[in-house]
Amino acid sequence: TLRENHSKAMLEAVGMRCAIICTNVGGNPEIIDNEETGLIIPACDSDAIVASLKRLSDSNLRKKLVDKASEVIPERFSEDKTFGKLEQLFNEEL
């Protein structure tokens, strides 16, 4: 995408153990750590999409990315963490 805030679809894909390719826009880099939990590519770069898809044909790379994402991302974006951060923001405003 060219604009993305915080992709719930990406979080759901991680939950389904899908390997992630995303663009380096908006909140995507906050969710995905390039080369660790997925692949981040430049926006509007069709060659990068093709190259990333080819890279993900490597089952070892896919497994590495999916395993790490499945471990890190649910913890990073758990309800407790999310609500805790929101509560902290609201309390700072007071």
N, C-alpha and C. Protein backbone atom coordinates (compact mmCIF):
# COMPACT_ATOMS: atom_id res chain seq x y z
N THR A 1 0.83 -1.19 0.00
CA THR A 1 0.00 0.00 0.00
C THR A 1 0.87 1.25 0.00
N LEU A 2 0.26 2.35 -0.32
CA LEU A 2 0.97 3.62 -0.27
C LEU A 2 0.77 4.32 1.07
N ARG A 3 -0.31 3.97 1.77
CA ARG A 3 -0.60 4.53 3.09
C ARG A 3 -1.12 3.40 3.97
N GLU A 4 -0.63 3.34 5.16
CA GLU A 4 -1.09 2.31 6.09
C GLU A 4 -0.81 2.80 7.50
N ASN A 5 -1.83 2.77 8.34
CA ASN A 5 -1.61 3.19 9.73
C ASN A 5 -1.11 2.02 10.56
N HIS A 6 -2.00 1.14 10.91
CA HIS A 6 -1.66 -0.03 11.71
C HIS A 6 -2.52 -1.16 11.17
N SER A 7 -1.92 -2.01 10.38
CA SER A 7 -2.66 -3.02 9.62
C SER A 7 -3.12 -4.19 10.49
N LYS A 8 -4.41 -4.21 10.74
CA LYS A 8 -4.98 -5.36 11.46
C LYS A 8 -4.87 -6.61 10.60
N ALA A 9 -5.01 -6.45 9.28
CA ALA A 9 -4.88 -7.59 8.38
C ALA A 9 -3.50 -8.23 8.49
N MET A 10 -2.47 -7.40 8.65
CA MET A 10 -1.12 -7.94 8.80
C MET A 10 -0.99 -8.72 10.10
N LEU A 11 -1.55 -8.20 11.17
CA LEU A 11 -1.52 -8.91 12.45
C LEU A 11 -2.28 -10.24 12.35
N GLU A 12 -3.41 -10.23 11.65
CA GLU A 12 -4.16 -11.46 11.46
C GLU A 12 -3.38 -12.46 10.62
N ALA A 13 -2.67 -11.98 9.60
CA ALA A 13 -1.85 -12.86 8.76
C ALA A 13 -0.74 -13.52 9.59
N VAL A 14 -0.14 -12.75 10.48
CA VAL A 14 0.87 -13.32 11.37
C VAL A 14 0.23 -14.41 12.23
N GLY A 15 -0.97 -14.14 12.73
CA GLY A 15 -1.68 -15.13 13.53
C GLY A 15 -1.99 -16.41 12.77
N MET A 16 -2.12 -16.30 11.47
CA MET A 16 -2.38 -17.46 10.62
C MET A 16 -1.07 -18.08 10.10
N ARG A 17 0.06 -17.58 10.61
CA ARG A 17 1.39 -18.08 10.26
C ARG A 17 1.70 -17.90 8.76
N CYS A 18 1.33 -16.73 8.25
CA CYS A 18 1.67 -16.37 6.88
C CYS A 18 2.93 -15.51 6.89
N ALA A 19 3.80 -15.73 5.92
CA ALA A 19 4.98 -14.89 5.79
C ALA A 19 4.53 -13.52 5.27
N ILE A 20 5.16 -12.47 5.78
CA ILE A 20 4.74 -11.11 5.47
C ILE A 20 5.73 -10.41 4.55
N ILE A 21 5.18 -9.80 3.50
CA ILE A 21 5.88 -8.83 2.67
C ILE A 21 5.05 -7.56 2.78
N CYS A 22 5.66 -6.47 3.18
CA CYS A 22 4.92 -5.21 3.29
C CYS A 22 5.78 -4.07 2.80
N THR A 23 5.13 -2.96 2.52
CA THR A 23 5.86 -1.78 2.08
C THR A 23 6.33 -0.97 3.29
N ASN A 24 7.30 -0.11 3.06
CA ASN A 24 7.90 0.68 4.15
C ASN A 24 7.14 1.98 4.39
N VAL A 25 5.82 1.90 4.43
CA VAL A 25 5.00 3.09 4.65
C VAL A 25 4.24 2.97 5.97
N GLY A 26 3.85 4.12 6.49
CA GLY A 26 3.00 4.18 7.67
C GLY A 26 3.52 3.37 8.84
N GLY A 27 2.62 2.60 9.43
CA GLY A 27 2.96 1.82 10.61
C GLY A 27 3.54 0.44 10.32
N ASN A 28 3.67 0.08 9.05
CA ASN A 28 4.18 -1.25 8.73
C ASN A 28 5.53 -1.56 9.40
N PRO A 29 6.51 -0.64 9.33
CA PRO A 29 7.79 -0.93 9.98
C PRO A 29 7.71 -1.01 11.51
N GLU A 30 6.61 -0.53 12.10
CA GLU A 30 6.42 -0.69 13.54
C GLU A 30 5.99 -2.11 13.88
N ILE A 31 5.37 -2.78 12.91
CA ILE A 31 4.89 -4.14 13.12
C ILE A 31 5.95 -5.16 12.70
N ILE A 32 6.51 -4.97 11.54
CA ILE A 32 7.45 -5.93 10.95
C ILE A 32 8.89 -5.43 11.09
N ASP A 33 9.75 -6.31 11.55
CA ASP A 33 11.19 -6.04 11.60
C ASP A 33 11.78 -6.69 10.35
N ASN A 34 12.31 -5.87 9.45
CA ASN A 34 12.82 -6.37 8.18
C ASN A 34 13.85 -7.48 8.37
N GLU A 35 13.66 -8.55 7.64
CA GLU A 35 14.55 -9.72 7.65
C GLU A 35 14.45 -10.54 8.93
N GLU A 36 13.65 -10.11 9.89
CA GLU A 36 13.48 -10.88 11.13
C GLU A 36 12.07 -11.46 11.24
N THR A 37 11.06 -10.61 11.05
CA THR A 37 9.67 -11.07 11.16
C THR A 37 8.92 -10.95 9.84
N GLY A 38 9.59 -10.49 8.83
CA GLY A 38 8.99 -10.33 7.51
C GLY A 38 9.94 -9.57 6.61
N LEU A 39 9.46 -9.26 5.43
CA LEU A 39 10.26 -8.51 4.47
C LEU A 39 9.60 -7.17 4.21
N ILE A 40 10.36 -6.11 4.32
CA ILE A 40 9.86 -4.77 4.05
C ILE A 40 10.48 -4.31 2.73
N ILE A 41 9.61 -3.84 1.84
CA ILE A 41 10.07 -3.39 0.53
C ILE A 41 9.63 -1.94 0.29
N PRO A 42 10.27 -1.26 -0.65
CA PRO A 42 9.85 0.10 -0.97
C PRO A 42 8.45 0.11 -1.62
N ALA A 43 7.72 1.16 -1.37
CA ALA A 43 6.41 1.33 -2.02
C ALA A 43 6.62 1.54 -3.52
N CYS A 44 5.66 1.13 -4.30
CA CYS A 44 5.65 1.34 -5.77
C CYS A 44 6.83 0.66 -6.47
N ASP A 45 7.28 -0.46 -5.96
CA ASP A 45 8.43 -1.15 -6.55
C ASP A 45 8.03 -2.59 -6.89
N SER A 46 7.52 -2.78 -8.09
CA SER A 46 7.05 -4.11 -8.49
C SER A 46 8.20 -5.11 -8.56
N ASP A 47 9.40 -4.65 -8.90
CA ASP A 47 10.54 -5.56 -8.92
C ASP A 47 10.84 -6.10 -7.52
N ALA A 48 10.68 -5.26 -6.51
CA ALA A 48 10.91 -5.69 -5.12
C ALA A 48 9.86 -6.72 -4.70
N ILE A 49 8.64 -6.57 -5.16
CA ILE A 49 7.59 -7.56 -4.86
C ILE A 49 7.99 -8.91 -5.43
N VAL A 50 8.37 -8.91 -6.70
CA VAL A 50 8.76 -10.16 -7.37
C VAL A 50 9.97 -10.78 -6.67
N ALA A 51 10.97 -9.97 -6.37
CA ALA A 51 12.18 -10.48 -5.71
C ALA A 51 11.84 -11.07 -4.33
N SER A 52 10.95 -10.41 -3.58
CA SER A 52 10.56 -10.91 -2.25
C SER A 52 9.78 -12.21 -2.36
N LEU A 53 8.89 -12.30 -3.33
CA LEU A 53 8.15 -13.55 -3.53
C LEU A 53 9.10 -14.69 -3.88
N LYS A 54 10.08 -14.40 -4.70
CA LYS A 54 11.08 -15.42 -5.05
C LYS A 54 11.86 -15.84 -3.80
N ARG A 55 12.22 -14.87 -2.97
CA ARG A 55 12.95 -15.20 -1.73
C ARG A 55 12.12 -16.09 -0.82
N LEU A 56 10.81 -15.83 -0.78
CA LEU A 56 9.94 -16.62 0.10
C LEU A 56 9.66 -18.01 -0.43
N SER A 57 10.16 -18.32 -1.64
CA SER A 57 10.04 -19.70 -2.11
C SER A 57 11.00 -20.60 -1.33
N ASP A 58 11.94 -20.00 -0.60
CA ASP A 58 12.85 -20.73 0.28
C ASP A 58 12.11 -21.07 1.57
N SER A 59 11.80 -22.34 1.74
CA SER A 59 11.00 -22.76 2.90
C SER A 59 11.72 -22.48 4.23
N ASN A 60 13.05 -22.52 4.24
CA ASN A 60 13.79 -22.21 5.47
C ASN A 60 13.63 -20.75 5.87
N LEU A 61 13.70 -19.85 4.89
CA LEU A 61 13.49 -18.43 5.16
C LEU A 61 12.07 -18.17 5.64
N ARG A 62 11.09 -18.77 4.94
CA ARG A 62 9.69 -18.60 5.36
C ARG A 62 9.50 -19.04 6.80
N LYS A 63 10.02 -20.22 7.13
CA LYS A 63 9.85 -20.75 8.48
C LYS A 63 10.51 -19.83 9.50
N LYS A 64 11.71 -19.35 9.21
CA LYS A 64 12.41 -18.45 10.13
C LYS A 64 11.60 -17.18 10.39
N LEU A 65 11.10 -16.56 9.32
CA LEU A 65 10.32 -15.33 9.46
C LEU A 65 9.01 -15.57 10.21
N VAL A 66 8.31 -16.63 9.82
CA VAL A 66 7.02 -16.93 10.43
C VAL A 66 7.18 -17.29 11.91
N ASP A 67 8.18 -18.11 12.22
CA ASP A 67 8.40 -18.48 13.63
C ASP A 67 8.70 -17.27 14.49
N LYS A 68 9.58 -16.40 14.02
CA LYS A 68 9.94 -15.20 14.79
C LYS A 68 8.75 -14.26 14.92
N ALA A 69 8.03 -14.05 13.82
CA ALA A 69 6.85 -13.16 13.86
C ALA A 69 5.80 -13.71 14.81
N SER A 70 5.58 -15.02 14.78
CA SER A 70 4.57 -15.64 15.65
C SER A 70 4.95 -15.56 17.11
N GLU A 71 6.24 -15.45 17.38
CA GLU A 71 6.72 -15.32 18.76
C GLU A 71 6.65 -13.87 19.24
N VAL A 72 7.12 -12.93 18.43
CA VAL A 72 7.32 -11.55 18.84
C VAL A 72 6.05 -10.70 18.72
N ILE A 73 5.39 -10.78 17.61
CA ILE A 73 4.30 -9.84 17.31
C ILE A 73 3.09 -10.00 18.22
N PRO A 74 2.62 -11.22 18.52
CA PRO A 74 1.48 -11.31 19.44
C PRO A 74 1.77 -10.70 20.80
N GLU A 75 3.00 -10.83 21.27
CA GLU A 75 3.37 -10.22 22.55
C GLU A 75 3.42 -8.70 22.44
N ARG A 76 4.03 -8.22 21.37
CA ARG A 76 4.20 -6.78 21.17
C ARG A 76 2.85 -6.07 21.03
N PHE A 77 1.87 -6.75 20.45
CA PHE A 77 0.57 -6.12 20.20
C PHE A 77 -0.57 -6.82 20.93
N SER A 78 -0.28 -7.37 22.10
CA SER A 78 -1.33 -8.02 22.89
C SER A 78 -2.33 -6.98 23.37
N GLU A 79 -3.51 -7.44 23.76
CA GLU A 79 -4.52 -6.51 24.29
C GLU A 79 -3.99 -5.79 25.52
N ASP A 80 -3.33 -6.51 26.41
CA ASP A 80 -2.82 -5.89 27.63
C ASP A 80 -1.85 -4.76 27.31
N LYS A 81 -0.92 -5.02 26.38
CA LYS A 81 0.05 -3.98 26.02
C LYS A 81 -0.65 -2.80 25.36
N THR A 82 -1.56 -3.09 24.45
CA THR A 82 -2.24 -2.03 23.72
C THR A 82 -3.08 -1.18 24.66
N PHE A 83 -3.88 -1.83 25.51
CA PHE A 83 -4.71 -1.06 26.44
C PHE A 83 -3.86 -0.34 27.48
N GLY A 84 -2.77 -0.97 27.88
CA GLY A 84 -1.86 -0.31 28.83
C GLY A 84 -1.26 0.96 28.24
N LYS A 85 -0.87 0.90 26.97
CA LYS A 85 -0.31 2.09 26.31
C LYS A 85 -1.37 3.18 26.18
N LEU A 86 -2.61 2.78 25.85
CA LEU A 86 -3.69 3.76 25.73
C LEU A 86 -3.97 4.41 27.08
N GLU A 87 -4.01 3.59 28.12
CA GLU A 87 -4.25 4.13 29.46
C GLU A 87 -3.15 5.12 29.85
N GLN A 88 -1.91 4.77 29.54
CA GLN A 88 -0.80 5.66 29.84
C GLN A 88 -0.94 6.99 29.09
N LEU A 89 -1.33 6.92 27.81
CA LEU A 89 -1.52 8.15 27.04
C LEU A 89 -2.63 9.01 27.63
N PHE A 90 -3.74 8.38 28.00
CA PHE A 90 -4.85 9.15 28.59
C PHE A 90 -4.43 9.78 29.91
N ASN A 91 -3.68 9.07 30.71
CA ASN A 91 -3.26 9.59 32.01
C ASN A 91 -2.26 10.74 31.84
N GLU A 92 -1.44 10.69 30.81
CA GLU A 92 -0.49 11.77 30.56
C GLU A 92 -1.21 13.06 30.17
N GLU A 93 -2.34 12.95 29.54
CA GLU A 93 -3.10 14.12 29.09
C GLU A 93 -3.74 14.84 30.25
N LEU A 94 -3.98 14.13 31.35
CA LEU A 94 -4.69 14.74 32.48
C LEU A 94 -3.83 15.66 33.25
